[in-house]
């Protein structure tokens, strides 16, 4: 039930990673300008560094996004050709991700393989 701007959450960041840099810049600036006062502004350079990491590894990993001590792994999928991507995530306790996060991410990739962009 929470609403977060694209550039402020891992599900949105994996979608932004598939966009051109100019489009990302516009979204980031809009999100920063329109964000709720409870969200701390994230510098554009920091967000671009996160987007670059997502592009390199193919997924986003984020802790404390919605709940303290929680972590999620998110990636973009393409369930229908020629339509915009969707994002999916798996979440759990941060301690579980610290212990077996690589396996969790591998299972997420395996489960979503049919819908990943080739």
N, C-alpha and C. Protein backbone atom coordinates (compact mmCIF):
# COMPACT_ATOMS: atom_id res chain seq x y z
N UNK A 1 0.79 -1.20 0.00
CA UNK A 1 0.00 0.00 0.00
C UNK A 1 0.83 1.26 0.00
N UNK A 2 2.14 1.15 -0.12
CA UNK A 2 2.98 2.35 -0.14
C UNK A 2 3.21 2.79 -1.58
N UNK A 3 3.31 4.08 -1.76
CA UNK A 3 3.57 4.67 -3.06
C UNK A 3 4.94 5.32 -3.02
N UNK A 4 5.82 4.90 -3.91
CA UNK A 4 7.17 5.46 -3.97
C UNK A 4 7.50 5.81 -5.42
N UNK A 5 8.17 6.94 -5.64
CA UNK A 5 8.59 7.30 -7.00
C UNK A 5 9.53 6.24 -7.59
N UNK A 6 9.54 6.14 -8.91
CA UNK A 6 10.38 5.15 -9.60
C UNK A 6 11.84 5.18 -9.14
N UNK A 7 12.39 6.37 -9.04
CA UNK A 7 13.82 6.46 -8.74
C UNK A 7 14.13 6.26 -7.26
N UNK A 8 13.11 5.98 -6.45
CA UNK A 8 13.32 5.81 -5.02
C UNK A 8 13.12 4.37 -4.56
N UNK A 9 12.90 3.44 -5.47
CA UNK A 9 12.72 2.06 -5.05
C UNK A 9 13.32 1.11 -6.07
N UNK A 10 13.72 -0.06 -5.64
CA UNK A 10 14.41 -0.99 -6.53
C UNK A 10 13.55 -1.49 -7.69
N UNK A 11 12.24 -1.62 -7.49
CA UNK A 11 11.37 -2.05 -8.58
C UNK A 11 11.34 -1.00 -9.70
N UNK A 12 11.36 0.26 -9.32
CA UNK A 12 11.41 1.33 -10.31
C UNK A 12 12.78 1.48 -10.94
N UNK A 13 13.82 1.29 -10.14
CA UNK A 13 15.18 1.46 -10.66
C UNK A 13 15.52 0.43 -11.74
N UNK A 14 15.02 -0.81 -11.61
CA UNK A 14 15.29 -1.80 -12.66
C UNK A 14 14.59 -1.42 -13.96
N UNK A 15 13.44 -0.74 -13.85
CA UNK A 15 12.76 -0.26 -15.05
C UNK A 15 13.51 0.93 -15.65
N UNK A 16 13.96 1.82 -14.80
CA UNK A 16 14.73 2.96 -15.28
C UNK A 16 16.02 2.52 -15.97
N UNK A 17 16.62 1.45 -15.49
CA UNK A 17 17.88 0.97 -16.06
C UNK A 17 17.73 0.57 -17.53
N UNK A 18 16.51 0.34 -17.96
CA UNK A 18 16.27 -0.03 -19.35
C UNK A 18 16.01 1.18 -20.25
N UNK A 19 15.98 2.35 -19.66
CA UNK A 19 15.71 3.59 -20.40
C UNK A 19 17.00 4.27 -20.81
N UNK A 20 16.87 5.21 -21.73
CA UNK A 20 18.00 6.06 -22.13
C UNK A 20 18.32 7.02 -20.99
N UNK A 21 19.58 7.41 -20.90
CA UNK A 21 20.03 8.29 -19.82
C UNK A 21 19.24 9.59 -19.74
N UNK A 22 18.91 10.18 -20.88
CA UNK A 22 18.15 11.44 -20.86
C UNK A 22 16.76 11.25 -20.25
N UNK A 23 16.12 10.11 -20.55
CA UNK A 23 14.82 9.83 -19.95
C UNK A 23 14.94 9.63 -18.45
N UNK A 24 15.99 8.91 -18.04
CA UNK A 24 16.23 8.67 -16.62
C UNK A 24 16.42 9.98 -15.89
N UNK A 25 17.22 10.86 -16.47
CA UNK A 25 17.49 12.16 -15.86
C UNK A 25 16.20 12.93 -15.61
N UNK A 26 15.30 12.92 -16.60
CA UNK A 26 14.01 13.62 -16.44
C UNK A 26 13.18 13.01 -15.30
N UNK A 27 13.13 11.69 -15.24
CA UNK A 27 12.36 11.03 -14.19
C UNK A 27 12.95 11.35 -12.82
N UNK A 28 14.26 11.26 -12.70
CA UNK A 28 14.93 11.54 -11.43
C UNK A 28 14.61 12.97 -10.97
N UNK A 29 14.75 13.91 -11.87
CA UNK A 29 14.50 15.31 -11.51
C UNK A 29 13.05 15.53 -11.11
N UNK A 30 12.14 14.91 -11.85
CA UNK A 30 10.72 15.03 -11.49
C UNK A 30 10.45 14.38 -10.13
N UNK A 31 10.99 13.18 -9.93
CA UNK A 31 10.77 12.48 -8.65
C UNK A 31 11.34 13.27 -7.49
N UNK A 32 12.52 13.84 -7.67
CA UNK A 32 13.11 14.64 -6.59
C UNK A 32 12.28 15.88 -6.29
N UNK A 33 11.76 16.52 -7.33
CA UNK A 33 10.97 17.73 -7.14
C UNK A 33 9.60 17.43 -6.52
N UNK A 34 9.00 16.29 -6.87
CA UNK A 34 7.64 15.98 -6.44
C UNK A 34 7.59 15.03 -5.25
N UNK A 35 8.73 14.66 -4.71
CA UNK A 35 8.75 13.65 -3.64
C UNK A 35 8.06 14.18 -2.39
N UNK A 36 7.57 13.26 -1.61
CA UNK A 36 6.96 13.61 -0.33
C UNK A 36 8.07 14.03 0.62
N UNK A 37 7.77 14.94 1.50
CA UNK A 37 8.79 15.46 2.42
C UNK A 37 9.41 14.39 3.31
N UNK A 38 8.74 13.25 3.45
CA UNK A 38 9.30 12.17 4.28
C UNK A 38 10.43 11.43 3.56
N UNK A 39 10.55 11.62 2.24
CA UNK A 39 11.63 10.98 1.49
C UNK A 39 12.82 11.93 1.37
N UNK A 40 13.95 11.45 1.77
CA UNK A 40 15.16 12.24 1.64
C UNK A 40 15.57 12.29 0.17
N UNK A 41 15.96 13.48 -0.32
CA UNK A 41 16.36 13.61 -1.72
C UNK A 41 17.65 12.85 -1.96
N UNK A 42 17.67 12.05 -3.02
CA UNK A 42 18.87 11.32 -3.40
C UNK A 42 19.52 12.06 -4.55
N UNK A 43 20.80 12.40 -4.44
CA UNK A 43 21.47 13.12 -5.52
C UNK A 43 21.43 12.35 -6.84
N UNK A 44 21.28 13.09 -7.92
CA UNK A 44 21.20 12.49 -9.26
C UNK A 44 22.41 11.61 -9.55
N UNK A 45 23.60 12.06 -9.19
CA UNK A 45 24.81 11.27 -9.46
C UNK A 45 24.76 9.92 -8.73
N UNK A 46 24.25 9.91 -7.52
CA UNK A 46 24.14 8.67 -6.75
C UNK A 46 23.14 7.71 -7.40
N UNK A 47 22.02 8.27 -7.86
CA UNK A 47 21.04 7.43 -8.54
C UNK A 47 21.59 6.86 -9.84
N UNK A 48 22.34 7.66 -10.58
CA UNK A 48 22.94 7.15 -11.82
C UNK A 48 23.97 6.07 -11.52
N UNK A 49 24.69 6.18 -10.43
CA UNK A 49 25.64 5.12 -10.05
C UNK A 49 24.88 3.84 -9.75
N UNK A 50 23.73 3.95 -9.08
CA UNK A 50 22.91 2.77 -8.80
C UNK A 50 22.36 2.16 -10.10
N UNK A 51 21.91 3.00 -11.02
CA UNK A 51 21.40 2.53 -12.31
C UNK A 51 22.50 1.81 -13.09
N UNK A 52 23.71 2.35 -13.06
CA UNK A 52 24.84 1.71 -13.74
C UNK A 52 25.11 0.33 -13.15
N UNK A 53 25.07 0.22 -11.84
CA UNK A 53 25.28 -1.08 -11.18
C UNK A 53 24.17 -2.06 -11.57
N UNK A 54 22.94 -1.59 -11.64
CA UNK A 54 21.82 -2.45 -12.04
C UNK A 54 22.02 -2.93 -13.47
N UNK A 55 22.44 -2.04 -14.35
CA UNK A 55 22.70 -2.44 -15.74
C UNK A 55 23.80 -3.50 -15.81
N UNK A 56 24.81 -3.35 -14.98
CA UNK A 56 25.93 -4.30 -14.98
C UNK A 56 25.53 -5.67 -14.45
N UNK A 57 24.75 -5.71 -13.37
CA UNK A 57 24.43 -6.99 -12.75
C UNK A 57 23.07 -7.55 -13.16
N UNK A 58 22.20 -6.71 -13.72
CA UNK A 58 20.91 -7.18 -14.20
C UNK A 58 19.79 -7.17 -13.18
N UNK A 59 20.07 -6.70 -11.99
CA UNK A 59 19.04 -6.67 -10.95
C UNK A 59 19.40 -5.60 -9.92
N UNK A 60 18.43 -5.27 -9.07
CA UNK A 60 18.66 -4.34 -7.97
C UNK A 60 18.50 -5.08 -6.66
N UNK A 61 19.35 -4.76 -5.74
CA UNK A 61 19.28 -5.32 -4.39
C UNK A 61 19.21 -4.13 -3.45
N UNK A 62 18.21 -4.11 -2.59
CA UNK A 62 18.01 -2.94 -1.75
C UNK A 62 17.51 -3.36 -0.37
N UNK A 63 18.06 -2.73 0.64
CA UNK A 63 17.62 -3.03 2.01
C UNK A 63 16.89 -1.83 2.59
N UNK A 64 15.96 -2.11 3.47
CA UNK A 64 15.23 -1.05 4.14
C UNK A 64 14.31 -0.26 3.26
N UNK A 65 14.00 -0.79 2.07
CA UNK A 65 13.15 -0.09 1.11
C UNK A 65 11.77 0.19 1.68
N UNK A 66 11.11 -0.83 2.17
CA UNK A 66 9.77 -0.65 2.72
C UNK A 66 9.70 -0.90 4.22
N UNK A 67 10.50 -1.84 4.69
CA UNK A 67 10.47 -2.21 6.09
C UNK A 67 11.88 -2.33 6.63
N UNK A 68 12.09 -1.96 7.88
CA UNK A 68 13.41 -2.14 8.48
C UNK A 68 13.77 -3.63 8.50
N UNK A 69 15.03 -3.91 8.36
CA UNK A 69 15.56 -5.28 8.41
C UNK A 69 15.05 -6.16 7.27
N UNK A 70 14.52 -5.57 6.22
CA UNK A 70 14.07 -6.33 5.06
C UNK A 70 14.96 -6.00 3.87
N UNK A 71 14.98 -6.90 2.90
CA UNK A 71 15.76 -6.70 1.69
C UNK A 71 14.98 -7.30 0.53
N UNK A 72 15.13 -6.69 -0.65
CA UNK A 72 14.52 -7.26 -1.84
C UNK A 72 15.52 -7.28 -2.98
N UNK A 73 15.31 -8.24 -3.87
CA UNK A 73 16.03 -8.33 -5.14
C UNK A 73 14.98 -8.14 -6.23
N UNK A 74 15.21 -7.19 -7.14
CA UNK A 74 14.24 -6.87 -8.18
C UNK A 74 14.89 -6.96 -9.55
N UNK A 75 14.10 -7.35 -10.54
CA UNK A 75 14.58 -7.35 -11.92
C UNK A 75 13.44 -7.05 -12.86
N UNK A 76 13.80 -6.60 -14.07
CA UNK A 76 12.79 -6.28 -15.09
C UNK A 76 12.52 -7.53 -15.92
N UNK A 77 11.25 -7.70 -16.28
CA UNK A 77 10.87 -8.80 -17.16
C UNK A 77 10.08 -8.23 -18.33
N UNK A 78 9.95 -9.03 -19.38
CA UNK A 78 9.24 -8.63 -20.59
C UNK A 78 8.23 -9.73 -20.94
N UNK A 79 7.10 -9.76 -20.23
CA UNK A 79 6.16 -10.86 -20.43
C UNK A 79 5.46 -10.85 -21.79
N UNK A 80 5.33 -9.67 -22.41
CA UNK A 80 4.67 -9.57 -23.70
C UNK A 80 5.56 -8.75 -24.63
N UNK A 81 5.92 -9.34 -25.76
CA UNK A 81 6.80 -8.67 -26.71
C UNK A 81 6.23 -7.31 -27.12
N UNK A 82 7.14 -6.36 -27.32
CA UNK A 82 6.81 -5.01 -27.80
C UNK A 82 6.00 -4.17 -26.82
N UNK A 83 5.87 -4.62 -25.59
CA UNK A 83 5.24 -3.80 -24.56
C UNK A 83 6.29 -3.43 -23.52
N UNK A 84 6.06 -2.38 -22.76
CA UNK A 84 7.05 -1.99 -21.75
C UNK A 84 7.28 -3.12 -20.74
N UNK A 85 8.46 -3.12 -20.15
CA UNK A 85 8.77 -4.17 -19.16
C UNK A 85 7.99 -3.97 -17.87
N UNK A 86 7.93 -5.01 -17.10
CA UNK A 86 7.41 -5.00 -15.74
C UNK A 86 8.56 -5.31 -14.82
N UNK A 87 8.39 -5.04 -13.55
CA UNK A 87 9.42 -5.45 -12.60
C UNK A 87 8.82 -6.39 -11.57
N UNK A 88 9.65 -7.32 -11.15
CA UNK A 88 9.25 -8.29 -10.13
C UNK A 88 10.34 -8.31 -9.06
N UNK A 89 9.96 -8.75 -7.88
CA UNK A 89 10.94 -8.80 -6.80
C UNK A 89 10.63 -9.94 -5.86
N UNK A 90 11.64 -10.34 -5.15
CA UNK A 90 11.51 -11.29 -4.06
C UNK A 90 12.09 -10.61 -2.83
N UNK A 91 11.43 -10.75 -1.72
CA UNK A 91 11.89 -10.08 -0.52
C UNK A 91 11.96 -11.00 0.67
N UNK A 92 12.67 -10.54 1.67
CA UNK A 92 12.79 -11.30 2.90
C UNK A 92 13.60 -10.53 3.92
N UNK A 93 13.98 -11.21 4.95
CA UNK A 93 14.77 -10.59 6.00
C UNK A 93 16.20 -10.34 5.51
N UNK A 94 16.76 -9.23 5.93
CA UNK A 94 18.11 -8.88 5.51
C UNK A 94 19.10 -9.96 5.94
N UNK A 95 18.92 -10.54 7.12
CA UNK A 95 19.84 -11.58 7.59
C UNK A 95 19.82 -12.81 6.67
N UNK A 96 18.66 -13.12 6.09
CA UNK A 96 18.57 -14.24 5.16
C UNK A 96 19.29 -13.92 3.86
N UNK A 97 19.14 -12.68 3.39
CA UNK A 97 19.86 -12.27 2.17
C UNK A 97 21.36 -12.26 2.41
N UNK A 98 21.79 -11.84 3.58
CA UNK A 98 23.22 -11.83 3.88
C UNK A 98 23.78 -13.26 3.89
N UNK A 99 22.96 -14.19 4.33
CA UNK A 99 23.39 -15.58 4.43
C UNK A 99 23.33 -16.30 3.07
N UNK A 100 22.25 -16.10 2.32
CA UNK A 100 22.10 -16.86 1.07
C UNK A 100 21.53 -16.01 -0.07
N UNK A 101 21.91 -14.73 -0.10
CA UNK A 101 21.41 -13.81 -1.12
C UNK A 101 21.74 -14.23 -2.54
N UNK A 102 22.94 -14.77 -2.76
CA UNK A 102 23.31 -15.20 -4.11
C UNK A 102 22.36 -16.28 -4.61
N UNK A 103 22.02 -17.22 -3.75
CA UNK A 103 21.08 -18.28 -4.14
C UNK A 103 19.68 -17.72 -4.41
N UNK A 104 19.26 -16.76 -3.61
CA UNK A 104 17.95 -16.14 -3.81
C UNK A 104 17.90 -15.46 -5.17
N UNK A 105 18.95 -14.70 -5.50
CA UNK A 105 18.99 -14.00 -6.78
C UNK A 105 19.04 -15.01 -7.93
N UNK A 106 19.83 -16.06 -7.80
CA UNK A 106 19.89 -17.09 -8.86
C UNK A 106 18.52 -17.73 -9.08
N UNK A 107 17.80 -18.00 -8.01
CA UNK A 107 16.46 -18.58 -8.14
C UNK A 107 15.48 -17.61 -8.79
N UNK A 108 15.60 -16.33 -8.47
CA UNK A 108 14.76 -15.32 -9.09
C UNK A 108 15.03 -15.27 -10.59
N UNK A 109 16.30 -15.24 -10.98
CA UNK A 109 16.66 -15.24 -12.39
C UNK A 109 16.15 -16.49 -13.09
N UNK A 110 16.29 -17.64 -12.45
CA UNK A 110 15.84 -18.90 -13.05
C UNK A 110 14.32 -18.89 -13.25
N UNK A 111 13.59 -18.45 -12.23
CA UNK A 111 12.14 -18.43 -12.32
C UNK A 111 11.63 -17.46 -13.39
N UNK A 112 12.34 -16.37 -13.60
CA UNK A 112 11.91 -15.35 -14.54
C UNK A 112 12.58 -15.47 -15.92
N UNK A 113 13.43 -16.47 -16.11
CA UNK A 113 14.18 -16.62 -17.36
C UNK A 113 13.31 -16.56 -18.61
N UNK A 114 12.13 -17.19 -18.65
CA UNK A 114 11.33 -17.12 -19.86
C UNK A 114 10.89 -15.69 -20.24
N UNK A 115 10.90 -14.80 -19.27
CA UNK A 115 10.41 -13.44 -19.51
C UNK A 115 11.51 -12.39 -19.50
N UNK A 116 12.73 -12.82 -19.42
CA UNK A 116 13.85 -11.87 -19.45
C UNK A 116 14.19 -11.54 -20.89
N UNK A 117 14.65 -10.33 -21.13
CA UNK A 117 15.06 -9.91 -22.48
C UNK A 117 16.29 -10.70 -22.86
N UNK A 118 16.27 -11.22 -24.05
CA UNK A 118 17.41 -12.02 -24.53
C UNK A 118 18.55 -11.15 -24.99
